[in-house]
Amino acid sequence: MTKLEELAEEEGFRTVDDLLSAYVIDSIAPGICINPSCGYCTEVEPDCRGGWCGECETQSVQSAFVLADVI
């Protein structure tokens, strides 16, 4: 399972497309830590590429739109 799929599941969506469609017009987006052993999720700006992870304490959170190569 990819981090993007993990994020969609964590947010309660059946598919990545459903997740992206739900947030496409919002000023926030769900984000997930991309470190392999972490699954921290939080809300971030849609273009976030290095958001702060509250679990690993690294700048490793990316938004769903970045992970999907939309932004």
PDB file of N, CA and C in Angstrom:
ATOM      1  N   MET A   1       0.850  -1.170   0.000  1.00  0.00           N
ATOM      2  CA  MET A   1       0.000   0.000   0.000  1.00  0.00           C
ATOM      3  C   MET A   1       0.903   1.243   0.000  1.00  0.00           C
ATOM      4  N   THR A   2       0.596   2.186  -0.871  1.00  0.00           N
ATOM      5  CA  THR A   2       1.370   3.425  -0.935  1.00  0.00           C
ATOM      6  C   THR A   2       0.953   4.352   0.204  1.00  0.00           C
ATOM      7  N   LYS A   3       1.767   5.355   0.466  1.00  0.00           N
ATOM      8  CA  LYS A   3       1.429   6.334   1.496  1.00  0.00           C
ATOM      9  C   LYS A   3       0.139   7.058   1.136  1.00  0.00           C
ATOM     10  N   LEU A   4      -0.072   7.324  -0.140  1.00  0.00           N
ATOM     11  CA  LEU A   4      -1.288   7.999  -0.580  1.00  0.00           C
ATOM     12  C   LEU A   4      -2.517   7.124  -0.321  1.00  0.00           C
ATOM     13  N   GLU A   5      -2.419   5.849  -0.602  1.00  0.00           N
ATOM     14  CA  GLU A   5      -3.516   4.926  -0.324  1.00  0.00           C
ATOM     15  C   GLU A   5      -3.756   4.800   1.183  1.00  0.00           C
ATOM     16  N   GLU A   6      -2.666   4.777   1.940  1.00  0.00           N
ATOM     17  CA  GLU A   6      -2.771   4.724   3.400  1.00  0.00           C
ATOM     18  C   GLU A   6      -3.492   5.959   3.932  1.00  0.00           C
ATOM     19  N   LEU A   7      -3.159   7.117   3.373  1.00  0.00           N
ATOM     20  CA  LEU A   7      -3.797   8.361   3.786  1.00  0.00           C
ATOM     21  C   LEU A   7      -5.287   8.351   3.454  1.00  0.00           C
ATOM     22  N   ALA A   8      -5.639   7.904   2.270  1.00  0.00           N
ATOM     23  CA  ALA A   8      -7.052   7.837   1.878  1.00  0.00           C
ATOM     24  C   ALA A   8      -7.828   6.932   2.837  1.00  0.00           C
ATOM     25  N   GLU A   9      -7.258   5.802   3.150  1.00  0.00           N
ATOM     26  CA  GLU A   9      -7.907   4.873   4.073  1.00  0.00           C
ATOM     27  C   GLU A   9      -8.043   5.485   5.467  1.00  0.00           C
ATOM     28  N   GLU A  10      -6.993   6.119   5.943  1.00  0.00           N
ATOM     29  CA  GLU A  10      -7.004   6.758   7.266  1.00  0.00           C
ATOM     30  C   GLU A  10      -8.068   7.849   7.353  1.00  0.00           C
ATOM     31  N   GLU A  11      -8.278   8.564   6.255  1.00  0.00           N
ATOM     32  CA  GLU A  11      -9.266   9.644   6.212  1.00  0.00           C
ATOM     33  C   GLU A  11     -10.684   9.131   5.957  1.00  0.00           C
ATOM     34  N   GLY A  12     -10.832   7.816   5.748  1.00  0.00           N
ATOM     35  CA  GLY A  12     -12.162   7.230   5.587  1.00  0.00           C
ATOM     36  C   GLY A  12     -12.680   7.162   4.165  1.00  0.00           C
ATOM     37  N   PHE A  13     -11.789   7.264   3.183  1.00  0.00           N
ATOM     38  CA  PHE A  13     -12.207   7.204   1.775  1.00  0.00           C
ATOM     39  C   PHE A  13     -11.890   5.834   1.186  1.00  0.00           C
ATOM     40  N   ARG A  14     -12.733   5.403   0.253  1.00  0.00           N
ATOM     41  CA  ARG A  14     -12.516   4.105  -0.391  1.00  0.00           C
ATOM     42  C   ARG A  14     -11.381   4.154  -1.399  1.00  0.00           C
ATOM     43  N   THR A  15     -11.220   5.297  -2.067  1.00  0.00           N
ATOM     44  CA  THR A  15     -10.186   5.406  -3.094  1.00  0.00           C
ATOM     45  C   THR A  15      -9.436   6.731  -2.959  1.00  0.00           C
ATOM     46  N   VAL A  16      -8.279   6.792  -3.576  1.00  0.00           N
ATOM     47  CA  VAL A  16      -7.497   8.022  -3.624  1.00  0.00           C
ATOM     48  C   VAL A  16      -8.282   9.099  -4.371  1.00  0.00           C
ATOM     49  N   ASP A  17      -8.932   8.735  -5.454  1.00  0.00           N
ATOM     50  CA  ASP A  17      -9.728   9.706  -6.215  1.00  0.00           C
ATOM     51  C   ASP A  17     -10.821  10.334  -5.355  1.00  0.00           C
ATOM     52  N   ASP A  18     -11.473   9.528  -4.513  1.00  0.00           N
ATOM     53  CA  ASP A  18     -12.500  10.062  -3.617  1.00  0.00           C
ATOM     54  C   ASP A  18     -11.897  11.073  -2.651  1.00  0.00           C
ATOM     55  N   LEU A  19     -10.724  10.769  -2.125  1.00  0.00           N
ATOM     56  CA  LEU A  19     -10.030  11.680  -1.214  1.00  0.00           C
ATOM     57  C   LEU A  19      -9.712  12.998  -1.902  1.00  0.00           C
ATOM     58  N   LEU A  20      -9.092  12.932  -3.056  1.00  0.00           N
ATOM     59  CA  LEU A  20      -8.702  14.141  -3.784  1.00  0.00           C
ATOM     60  C   LEU A  20      -9.917  14.976  -4.174  1.00  0.00           C
ATOM     61  N   SER A  21     -10.979  14.318  -4.608  1.00  0.00           N
ATOM     62  CA  SER A  21     -12.203  15.032  -4.994  1.00  0.00           C
ATOM     63  C   SER A  21     -12.819  15.781  -3.822  1.00  0.00           C
ATOM     64  N   ALA A  22     -12.738  15.210  -2.643  1.00  0.00           N
ATOM     65  CA  ALA A  22     -13.331  15.836  -1.461  1.00  0.00           C
ATOM     66  C   ALA A  22     -12.593  17.106  -1.045  1.00  0.00           C
ATOM     67  N   TYR A  23     -11.305  17.214  -1.375  1.00  0.00           N
ATOM     68  CA  TYR A  23     -10.510  18.351  -0.917  1.00  0.00           C
ATOM     69  C   TYR A  23     -10.073  19.301  -2.031  1.00  0.00           C
ATOM     70  N   VAL A  24     -10.474  19.057  -3.249  1.00  0.00           N
ATOM     71  CA  VAL A  24      -9.951  19.810  -4.386  1.00  0.00           C
ATOM     72  C   VAL A  24     -10.208  21.318  -4.301  1.00  0.00           C
ATOM     73  N   ILE A  25     -11.258  21.756  -3.661  1.00  0.00           N
ATOM     74  CA  ILE A  25     -11.531  23.190  -3.584  1.00  0.00           C
ATOM     75  C   ILE A  25     -11.263  23.778  -2.195  1.00  0.00           C
ATOM     76  N   ASP A  26     -10.696  23.001  -1.297  1.00  0.00           N
ATOM     77  CA  ASP A  26     -10.393  23.483   0.051  1.00  0.00           C
ATOM     78  C   ASP A  26      -9.021  24.143   0.115  1.00  0.00           C
ATOM     79  N   SER A  27      -8.832  24.926   1.147  1.00  0.00           N
ATOM     80  CA  SER A  27      -7.526  25.562   1.363  1.00  0.00           C
ATOM     81  C   SER A  27      -6.629  24.706   2.248  1.00  0.00           C
ATOM     82  N   ILE A  28      -7.155  23.566   2.681  1.00  0.00           N
ATOM     83  CA  ILE A  28      -6.363  22.591   3.425  1.00  0.00           C
ATOM     84  C   ILE A  28      -6.478  21.241   2.738  1.00  0.00           C
ATOM     85  N   ALA A  29      -5.553  20.357   3.076  1.00  0.00           N
ATOM     86  CA  ALA A  29      -5.574  19.009   2.508  1.00  0.00           C
ATOM     87  C   ALA A  29      -5.022  18.043   3.550  1.00  0.00           C
ATOM     88  N   PRO A  30      -5.408  16.800   3.461  1.00  0.00           N
ATOM     89  CA  PRO A  30      -4.808  15.833   4.367  1.00  0.00           C
ATOM     90  C   PRO A  30      -3.361  15.575   3.962  1.00  0.00           C
ATOM     91  N   GLY A  31      -2.520  15.370   4.947  1.00  0.00           N
ATOM     92  CA  GLY A  31      -1.123  15.063   4.691  1.00  0.00           C
ATOM     93  C   GLY A  31      -0.690  13.881   5.522  1.00  0.00           C
ATOM     94  N   ILE A  32       0.396  13.225   5.088  1.00  0.00           N
ATOM     95  CA  ILE A  32       0.909  12.058   5.797  1.00  0.00           C
ATOM     96  C   ILE A  32       2.430  12.097   5.800  1.00  0.00           C
ATOM     97  N   CYS A  33       3.012  11.603   6.870  1.00  0.00           N
ATOM     98  CA  CYS A  33       4.463  11.504   6.968  1.00  0.00           C
ATOM     99  C   CYS A  33       4.941  10.441   5.985  1.00  0.00           C
ATOM    100  N   ILE A  34       5.964  10.755   5.222  1.00  0.00           N
ATOM    101  CA  ILE A  34       6.444   9.807   4.215  1.00  0.00           C
ATOM    102  C   ILE A  34       7.567   8.903   4.720  1.00  0.00           C
ATOM    103  N   ASN A  35       7.948   9.032   5.994  1.00  0.00           N
ATOM    104  CA  ASN A  35       8.924   8.097   6.543  1.00  0.00           C
ATOM    105  C   ASN A  35       8.293   6.710   6.610  1.00  0.00           C
ATOM    106  N   PRO A  36       9.011   5.678   6.155  1.00  0.00           N
ATOM    107  CA  PRO A  36       8.439   4.330   6.046  1.00  0.00           C
ATOM    108  C   PRO A  36       7.810   3.783   7.328  1.00  0.00           C
ATOM    109  N   SER A  37       8.374   4.068   8.463  1.00  0.00           N
ATOM    110  CA  SER A  37       7.868   3.482   9.703  1.00  0.00           C
ATOM    111  C   SER A  37       6.854   4.369  10.418  1.00  0.00           C
ATOM    112  N   CYS A  38       6.409   5.427   9.780  1.00  0.00           N
ATOM    113  CA  CYS A  38       5.488   6.370  10.412  1.00  0.00           C
ATOM    114  C   CYS A  38       4.217   6.495   9.587  1.00  0.00           C
ATOM    115  N   GLY A  39       3.107   6.721  10.253  1.00  0.00           N
ATOM    116  CA  GLY A  39       1.841   6.916   9.572  1.00  0.00           C
ATOM    117  C   GLY A  39       1.105   8.144  10.073  1.00  0.00           C
ATOM    118  N   TYR A  40       1.857   9.100  10.628  1.00  0.00           N
ATOM    119  CA  TYR A  40       1.264  10.318  11.175  1.00  0.00           C
ATOM    120  C   TYR A  40       0.500  11.076  10.090  1.00  0.00           C
ATOM    121  N   CYS A  41      -0.739  11.447  10.382  1.00  0.00           N
ATOM    122  CA  CYS A  41      -1.580  12.200   9.450  1.00  0.00           C
ATOM    123  C   CYS A  41      -2.002  13.509  10.097  1.00  0.00           C
ATOM    124  N   THR A  42      -2.098  14.543   9.279  1.00  0.00           N
ATOM    125  CA  THR A  42      -2.496  15.860   9.763  1.00  0.00           C
ATOM    126  C   THR A  42      -3.020  16.685   8.594  1.00  0.00           C
ATOM    127  N   GLU A  43      -3.602  17.827   8.885  1.00  0.00           N
ATOM    128  CA  GLU A  43      -4.044  18.737   7.831  1.00  0.00           C
ATOM    129  C   GLU A  43      -2.909  19.690   7.495  1.00  0.00           C
ATOM    130  N   VAL A  44      -2.696  19.910   6.196  1.00  0.00           N
ATOM    131  CA  VAL A  44      -1.623  20.777   5.708  1.00  0.00           C
ATOM    132  C   VAL A  44      -2.129  21.604   4.538  1.00  0.00           C
ATOM    133  N   GLU A  45      -1.306  22.528   4.068  1.00  0.00           N
ATOM    134  CA  GLU A  45      -1.641  23.261   2.853  1.00  0.00           C
ATOM    135  C   GLU A  45      -1.534  22.301   1.664  1.00  0.00           C
ATOM    136  N   PRO A  46      -2.329  22.503   0.624  1.00  0.00           N
ATOM    137  CA  PRO A  46      -2.329  21.575  -0.503  1.00  0.00           C
ATOM    138  C   PRO A  46      -0.964  21.371  -1.171  1.00  0.00           C
ATOM    139  N   ASP A  47      -0.063  22.364  -1.106  1.00  0.00           N
ATOM    140  CA  ASP A  47       1.241  22.217  -1.759  1.00  0.00           C
ATOM    141  C   ASP A  47       2.361  21.827  -0.784  1.00  0.00           C
ATOM    142  N   CYS A  48       2.004  21.331   0.386  1.00  0.00           N
ATOM    143  CA  CYS A  48       2.984  20.983   1.421  1.00  0.00           C
ATOM    144  C   CYS A  48       3.889  19.827   0.984  1.00  0.00           C
ATOM    145  N   ARG A  49       5.204  20.069   1.065  1.00  0.00           N
ATOM    146  CA  ARG A  49       6.198  19.051   0.711  1.00  0.00           C
ATOM    147  C   ARG A  49       7.109  18.694   1.884  1.00  0.00           C
ATOM    148  N   GLY A  50       7.092  19.486   2.929  1.00  0.00           N
ATOM    149  CA  GLY A  50       7.986  19.259   4.058  1.00  0.00           C
ATOM    150  C   GLY A  50       7.387  19.716   5.369  1.00  0.00           C
ATOM    151  N   GLY A  51       6.154  19.285   5.615  1.00  0.00           N
ATOM    152  CA  GLY A  51       5.489  19.659   6.855  1.00  0.00           C
ATOM    153  C   GLY A  51       6.045  18.897   8.051  1.00  0.00           C
ATOM    154  N   TRP A  52       5.824  19.442   9.222  1.00  0.00           N
ATOM    155  CA  TRP A  52       6.355  18.877  10.450  1.00  0.00           C
ATOM    156  C   TRP A  52       5.559  17.651  10.883  1.00  0.00           C
ATOM    157  N   CYS A  53       6.286  16.566  11.168  1.00  0.00           N
ATOM    158  CA  CYS A  53       5.669  15.343  11.672  1.00  0.00           C
ATOM    159  C   CYS A  53       5.734  15.370  13.190  1.00  0.00           C
ATOM    160  N   GLY A  54       4.590  15.283  13.831  1.00  0.00           N
ATOM    161  CA  GLY A  54       4.512  15.311  15.275  1.00  0.00           C
ATOM    162  C   GLY A  54       4.984  14.035  15.942  1.00  0.00           C
ATOM    163  N   GLU A  55       5.136  12.957  15.173  1.00  0.00           N
ATOM    164  CA  GLU A  55       5.617  11.693  15.739  1.00  0.00           C
ATOM    165  C   GLU A  55       7.123  11.543  15.583  1.00  0.00           C
ATOM    166  N   CYS A  56       7.627  11.669  14.352  1.00  0.00           N
ATOM    167  CA  CYS A  56       9.073  11.483  14.095  1.00  0.00           C
ATOM    168  C   CYS A  56       9.884  12.733  14.371  1.00  0.00           C
ATOM    169  N   GLU A  57       9.182  13.860  14.474  1.00  0.00           N
ATOM    170  CA  GLU A  57       9.829  15.154  14.661  1.00  0.00           C
ATOM    171  C   GLU A  57      10.815  15.474  13.534  1.00  0.00           C
ATOM    172  N   THR A  58      10.343  15.262  12.304  1.00  0.00           N
ATOM    173  CA  THR A  58      11.095  15.604  11.098  1.00  0.00           C
ATOM    174  C   THR A  58      10.167  16.364  10.159  1.00  0.00           C
ATOM    175  N   GLN A  59      10.738  17.022   9.178  1.00  0.00           N
ATOM    176  CA  GLN A  59       9.932  17.731   8.187  1.00  0.00           C
ATOM    177  C   GLN A  59       9.674  16.780   7.019  1.00  0.00           C
ATOM    178  N   SER A  60       8.742  15.856   7.235  1.00  0.00           N
ATOM    179  CA  SER A  60       8.526  14.778   6.280  1.00  0.00           C
ATOM    180  C   SER A  60       7.067  14.568   5.895  1.00  0.00           C
ATOM    181  N   VAL A  61       6.189  15.509   6.217  1.00  0.00           N
ATOM    182  CA  VAL A  61       4.771  15.376   5.863  1.00  0.00           C
ATOM    183  C   VAL A  61       4.538  15.994   4.487  1.00  0.00           C
ATOM    184  N   GLN A  62       3.840  15.239   3.645  1.00  0.00           N
ATOM    185  CA  GLN A  62       3.471  15.729   2.317  1.00  0.00           C
ATOM    186  C   GLN A  62       1.959  15.656   2.160  1.00  0.00           C
ATOM    187  N   SER A  63       1.407  16.597   1.409  1.00  0.00           N
ATOM    188  CA  SER A  63      -0.039  16.600   1.186  1.00  0.00           C
ATOM    189  C   SER A  63      -0.423  15.526   0.175  1.00  0.00           C
ATOM    190  N   ALA A  64      -1.695  15.174   0.206  1.00  0.00           N
ATOM    191  CA  ALA A  64      -2.216  14.184  -0.739  1.00  0.00           C
ATOM    192  C   ALA A  64      -2.019  14.648  -2.179  1.00  0.00           C
ATOM    193  N   PHE A  65      -2.125  15.944  -2.432  1.00  0.00           N
ATOM    194  CA  PHE A  65      -1.990  16.470  -3.788  1.00  0.00           C
ATOM    195  C   PHE A  65      -0.544  16.384  -4.295  1.00  0.00           C
ATOM    196  N   VAL A  66       0.407  16.554  -3.403  1.00  0.00           N
ATOM    197  CA  VAL A  66       1.812  16.395  -3.779  1.00  0.00           C
ATOM    198  C   VAL A  66       2.098  14.918  -4.057  1.00  0.00           C
ATOM    199  N   LEU A  67       1.614  14.047  -3.183  1.00  0.00           N
ATOM    200  CA  LEU A  67       1.827  12.608  -3.366  1.00  0.00           C
ATOM    201  C   LEU A  67       1.190  12.088  -4.656  1.00  0.00           C
ATOM    202  N   ALA A  68       0.076  12.708  -5.059  1.00  0.00           N
ATOM    203  CA  ALA A  68      -0.627  12.296  -6.277  1.00  0.00           C
ATOM    204  C   ALA A  68      -0.072  12.989  -7.520  1.00  0.00           C
ATOM    205  N   ASP A  69       0.971  13.805  -7.359  1.00  0.00           N
ATOM    206  CA  ASP A  69       1.567  14.561  -8.463  1.00  0.00           C
ATOM    207  C   ASP A  69       0.594  15.513  -9.141  1.00  0.00           C
ATOM    208  N   VAL A  70      -0.373  16.018  -8.356  1.00  0.00           N
ATOM    209  CA  VAL A  70      -1.312  17.007  -8.873  1.00  0.00           C
ATOM    210  C   VAL A  70      -0.679  18.396  -8.761  1.00  0.00           C
ATOM    211  N   ILE A  71       0.088  18.599  -7.709  1.00  0.00           N
ATOM    212  CA  ILE A  71       0.787  19.876  -7.492  1.00  0.00           C
ATOM    213  C   ILE A  71       2.266  19.605  -7.556  1.00  0.00           C
TER     214      ILE A  71
END
